[in-house]
Amino acid sequence: MFLGLAVVLFVIWVLCVLVFKIAAGAIHLIVVIAVIAFIVHFVKGRRAPT
């Protein structure tokens, strides 16, 4: 779930950079959220199934 969220946010970020050129602060915020979602995905994925 978190990996999918990270991918979606990354695609949105790329589109914003290439097409819409929105404010740099918003672009960086999307990148930070995507990185956090990516990290959470791998941290939760390392737990043994119960």
PDB file of N, CA and C in Angstrom:
ATOM      1  N   MET A   1       0.828  -1.196   0.000  1.00  0.00           N
ATOM      2  CA  MET A   1       0.000   0.000   0.000  1.00  0.00           C
ATOM      3  C   MET A   1       0.866   1.252   0.000  1.00  0.00           C
ATOM      4  N   PHE A   2       1.874   1.282   0.868  1.00  0.00           N
ATOM      5  CA  PHE A   2       2.713   2.468   0.959  1.00  0.00           C
ATOM      6  C   PHE A   2       3.593   2.614  -0.274  1.00  0.00           C
ATOM      7  N   LEU A   3       3.999   1.486  -0.864  1.00  0.00           N
ATOM      8  CA  LEU A   3       4.802   1.559  -2.085  1.00  0.00           C
ATOM      9  C   LEU A   3       3.972   2.154  -3.221  1.00  0.00           C
ATOM     10  N   GLY A   4       2.720   1.763  -3.311  1.00  0.00           N
ATOM     11  CA  GLY A   4       1.838   2.333  -4.326  1.00  0.00           C
ATOM     12  C   GLY A   4       1.655   3.828  -4.125  1.00  0.00           C
ATOM     13  N   LEU A   5       1.502   4.234  -2.878  1.00  0.00           N
ATOM     14  CA  LEU A   5       1.366   5.653  -2.560  1.00  0.00           C
ATOM     15  C   LEU A   5       2.626   6.410  -2.962  1.00  0.00           C
ATOM     16  N   ALA A   6       3.792   5.821  -2.682  1.00  0.00           N
ATOM     17  CA  ALA A   6       5.055   6.465  -3.040  1.00  0.00           C
ATOM     18  C   ALA A   6       5.164   6.616  -4.555  1.00  0.00           C
ATOM     19  N   VAL A   7       4.764   5.604  -5.297  1.00  0.00           N
ATOM     20  CA  VAL A   7       4.835   5.660  -6.762  1.00  0.00           C
ATOM     21  C   VAL A   7       3.890   6.732  -7.298  1.00  0.00           C
ATOM     22  N   VAL A   8       2.678   6.772  -6.781  1.00  0.00           N
ATOM     23  CA  VAL A   8       1.702   7.778  -7.233  1.00  0.00           C
ATOM     24  C   VAL A   8       2.214   9.184  -6.939  1.00  0.00           C
ATOM     25  N   LEU A   9       2.739   9.398  -5.749  1.00  0.00           N
ATOM     26  CA  LEU A   9       3.249  10.725  -5.397  1.00  0.00           C
ATOM     27  C   LEU A   9       4.461  11.093  -6.246  1.00  0.00           C
ATOM     28  N   PHE A  10       5.310  10.113  -6.567  1.00  0.00           N
ATOM     29  CA  PHE A  10       6.464  10.383  -7.417  1.00  0.00           C
ATOM     30  C   PHE A  10       6.017  10.796  -8.818  1.00  0.00           C
ATOM     31  N   VAL A  11       5.020  10.112  -9.369  1.00  0.00           N
ATOM     32  CA  VAL A  11       4.500  10.462 -10.697  1.00  0.00           C
ATOM     33  C   VAL A  11       3.901  11.861 -10.680  1.00  0.00           C
ATOM     34  N   ILE A  12       3.158  12.182  -9.633  1.00  0.00           N
ATOM     35  CA  ILE A  12       2.589  13.529  -9.510  1.00  0.00           C
ATOM     36  C   ILE A  12       3.695  14.572  -9.467  1.00  0.00           C
ATOM     37  N   TRP A  13       4.751  14.267  -8.721  1.00  0.00           N
ATOM     38  CA  TRP A  13       5.883  15.185  -8.617  1.00  0.00           C
ATOM     39  C   TRP A  13       6.521  15.425  -9.983  1.00  0.00           C
ATOM     40  N   VAL A  14       6.757  14.341 -10.736  1.00  0.00           N
ATOM     41  CA  VAL A  14       7.363  14.469 -12.059  1.00  0.00           C
ATOM     42  C   VAL A  14       6.474  15.305 -12.977  1.00  0.00           C
ATOM     43  N   LEU A  15       5.171  15.043 -12.946  1.00  0.00           N
ATOM     44  CA  LEU A  15       4.258  15.826 -13.777  1.00  0.00           C
ATOM     45  C   LEU A  15       4.276  17.300 -13.400  1.00  0.00           C
ATOM     46  N   CYS A  16       4.342  17.569 -12.114  1.00  0.00           N
ATOM     47  CA  CYS A  16       4.384  18.962 -11.656  1.00  0.00           C
ATOM     48  C   CYS A  16       5.653  19.659 -12.140  1.00  0.00           C
ATOM     49  N   VAL A  17       6.769  18.950 -12.090  1.00  0.00           N
ATOM     50  CA  VAL A  17       8.030  19.549 -12.529  1.00  0.00           C
ATOM     51  C   VAL A  17       8.011  19.789 -14.036  1.00  0.00           C
ATOM     52  N   LEU A  18       7.573  18.803 -14.808  1.00  0.00           N
ATOM     53  CA  LEU A  18       7.663  18.890 -16.262  1.00  0.00           C
ATOM     54  C   LEU A  18       6.533  19.688 -16.898  1.00  0.00           C
ATOM     55  N   VAL A  19       5.323  19.597 -16.352  1.00  0.00           N
ATOM     56  CA  VAL A  19       4.166  20.180 -17.026  1.00  0.00           C
ATOM     57  C   VAL A  19       3.705  21.470 -16.361  1.00  0.00           C
ATOM     58  N   PHE A  20       3.439  21.433 -15.078  1.00  0.00           N
ATOM     59  CA  PHE A  20       2.776  22.564 -14.430  1.00  0.00           C
ATOM     60  C   PHE A  20       3.735  23.581 -13.819  1.00  0.00           C
ATOM     61  N   LYS A  21       4.943  23.151 -13.469  1.00  0.00           N
ATOM     62  CA  LYS A  21       5.946  24.042 -12.863  1.00  0.00           C
ATOM     63  C   LYS A  21       5.354  24.838 -11.694  1.00  0.00           C
ATOM     64  N   ILE A  22       4.782  24.106 -10.740  1.00  0.00           N
ATOM     65  CA  ILE A  22       4.207  24.767  -9.568  1.00  0.00           C
ATOM     66  C   ILE A  22       5.314  25.194  -8.621  1.00  0.00           C
ATOM     67  N   ALA A  23       4.965  25.792  -7.536  1.00  0.00           N
ATOM     68  CA  ALA A  23       5.933  26.340  -6.588  1.00  0.00           C
ATOM     69  C   ALA A  23       6.874  25.263  -6.075  1.00  0.00           C
ATOM     70  N   ALA A  24       8.136  25.618  -5.902  1.00  0.00           N
ATOM     71  CA  ALA A  24       9.160  24.663  -5.478  1.00  0.00           C
ATOM     72  C   ALA A  24       8.828  24.052  -4.117  1.00  0.00           C
ATOM     73  N   GLY A  25       8.229  24.786  -3.241  1.00  0.00           N
ATOM     74  CA  GLY A  25       7.877  24.264  -1.920  1.00  0.00           C
ATOM     75  C   GLY A  25       6.904  23.100  -2.002  1.00  0.00           C
ATOM     76  N   ALA A  26       5.908  23.192  -2.862  1.00  0.00           N
ATOM     77  CA  ALA A  26       4.922  22.124  -3.019  1.00  0.00           C
ATOM     78  C   ALA A  26       5.569  20.886  -3.628  1.00  0.00           C
ATOM     79  N   ILE A  27       6.471  21.070  -4.579  1.00  0.00           N
ATOM     80  CA  ILE A  27       7.162  19.943  -5.201  1.00  0.00           C
ATOM     81  C   ILE A  27       7.978  19.192  -4.155  1.00  0.00           C
ATOM     82  N   HIS A  28       8.707  19.928  -3.339  1.00  0.00           N
ATOM     83  CA  HIS A  28       9.536  19.284  -2.328  1.00  0.00           C
ATOM     84  C   HIS A  28       8.683  18.600  -1.261  1.00  0.00           C
ATOM     85  N   LEU A  29       7.545  19.163  -0.948  1.00  0.00           N
ATOM     86  CA  LEU A  29       6.643  18.532   0.009  1.00  0.00           C
ATOM     87  C   LEU A  29       6.162  17.184  -0.515  1.00  0.00           C
ATOM     88  N   ILE A  30       5.819  17.111  -1.791  1.00  0.00           N
ATOM     89  CA  ILE A  30       5.393  15.845  -2.393  1.00  0.00           C
ATOM     90  C   ILE A  30       6.525  14.831  -2.355  1.00  0.00           C
ATOM     91  N   VAL A  31       7.749  15.270  -2.630  1.00  0.00           N
ATOM     92  CA  VAL A  31       8.897  14.361  -2.592  1.00  0.00           C
ATOM     93  C   VAL A  31       9.113  13.828  -1.183  1.00  0.00           C
ATOM     94  N   VAL A  32       9.028  14.684  -0.191  1.00  0.00           N
ATOM     95  CA  VAL A  32       9.217  14.258   1.198  1.00  0.00           C
ATOM     96  C   VAL A  32       8.153  13.241   1.588  1.00  0.00           C
ATOM     97  N   ILE A  33       6.902  13.473   1.237  1.00  0.00           N
ATOM     98  CA  ILE A  33       5.831  12.529   1.556  1.00  0.00           C
ATOM     99  C   ILE A  33       6.069  11.197   0.863  1.00  0.00           C
ATOM    100  N   ALA A  34       6.517  11.238  -0.394  1.00  0.00           N
ATOM    101  CA  ALA A  34       6.785  10.001  -1.127  1.00  0.00           C
ATOM    102  C   ALA A  34       7.923   9.216  -0.485  1.00  0.00           C
ATOM    103  N   VAL A  35       8.971   9.897  -0.074  1.00  0.00           N
ATOM    104  CA  VAL A  35      10.108   9.219   0.567  1.00  0.00           C
ATOM    105  C   VAL A  35       9.678   8.605   1.893  1.00  0.00           C
ATOM    106  N   ILE A  36       8.892   9.320   2.673  1.00  0.00           N
ATOM    107  CA  ILE A  36       8.408   8.792   3.947  1.00  0.00           C
ATOM    108  C   ILE A  36       7.541   7.556   3.708  1.00  0.00           C
ATOM    109  N   ALA A  37       6.651   7.613   2.725  1.00  0.00           N
ATOM    110  CA  ALA A  37       5.795   6.457   2.416  1.00  0.00           C
ATOM    111  C   ALA A  37       6.644   5.275   1.970  1.00  0.00           C
ATOM    112  N   PHE A  38       7.689   5.520   1.200  1.00  0.00           N
ATOM    113  CA  PHE A  38       8.595   4.470   0.725  1.00  0.00           C
ATOM    114  C   PHE A  38       9.312   3.816   1.902  1.00  0.00           C
ATOM    115  N   ILE A  39       9.811   4.622   2.833  1.00  0.00           N
ATOM    116  CA  ILE A  39      10.507   4.099   4.018  1.00  0.00           C
ATOM    117  C   ILE A  39       9.551   3.296   4.886  1.00  0.00           C
ATOM    118  N   VAL A  40       8.355   3.809   5.111  1.00  0.00           N
ATOM    119  CA  VAL A  40       7.364   3.107   5.929  1.00  0.00           C
ATOM    120  C   VAL A  40       7.016   1.762   5.296  1.00  0.00           C
ATOM    121  N   HIS A  41       6.930   1.725   3.977  1.00  0.00           N
ATOM    122  CA  HIS A  41       6.631   0.468   3.276  1.00  0.00           C
ATOM    123  C   HIS A  41       7.673  -0.596   3.600  1.00  0.00           C
ATOM    124  N   PHE A  42       8.944  -0.228   3.559  1.00  0.00           N
ATOM    125  CA  PHE A  42       9.991  -1.212   3.811  1.00  0.00           C
ATOM    126  C   PHE A  42      10.124  -1.552   5.292  1.00  0.00           C
ATOM    127  N   VAL A  43       9.868  -0.606   6.172  1.00  0.00           N
ATOM    128  CA  VAL A  43       9.924  -0.888   7.611  1.00  0.00           C
ATOM    129  C   VAL A  43       8.804  -1.854   7.981  1.00  0.00           C
ATOM    130  N   LYS A  44       7.591  -1.618   7.493  1.00  0.00           N
ATOM    131  CA  LYS A  44       6.484  -2.523   7.798  1.00  0.00           C
ATOM    132  C   LYS A  44       6.637  -3.853   7.075  1.00  0.00           C
ATOM    133  N   GLY A  45       7.286  -3.864   5.922  1.00  0.00           N
ATOM    134  CA  GLY A  45       7.463  -5.084   5.159  1.00  0.00           C
ATOM    135  C   GLY A  45       8.459  -6.052   5.777  1.00  0.00           C
ATOM    136  N   ARG A  46       9.330  -5.573   6.655  1.00  0.00           N
ATOM    137  CA  ARG A  46      10.338  -6.429   7.275  1.00  0.00           C
ATOM    138  C   ARG A  46       9.798  -7.232   8.433  1.00  0.00           C
ATOM    139  N   ARG A  47       8.654  -6.879   8.944  1.00  0.00           N
ATOM    140  CA  ARG A  47       8.071  -7.628  10.076  1.00  0.00           C
ATOM    141  C   ARG A  47       7.636  -8.993   9.619  1.00  0.00           C
ATOM    142  N   ALA A  48       7.817  -9.963  10.484  1.00  0.00           N
ATOM    143  CA  ALA A  48       7.421 -11.340  10.170  1.00  0.00           C
ATOM    144  C   ALA A  48       5.906 -11.441  10.171  1.00  0.00           C
ATOM    145  N   PRO A  49       5.337 -12.208   9.245  1.00  0.00           N
ATOM    146  CA  PRO A  49       3.870 -12.366   9.247  1.00  0.00           C
ATOM    147  C   PRO A  49       3.410 -13.117  10.490  1.00  0.00           C
ATOM    148  N   THR A  50       2.264 -12.723  10.990  1.00  0.00           N
ATOM    149  CA  THR A  50       1.757 -13.343  12.231  1.00  0.00           C
ATOM    150  C   THR A  50       0.677 -14.355  11.911  1.00  0.00           C
TER     151      THR A  50
END
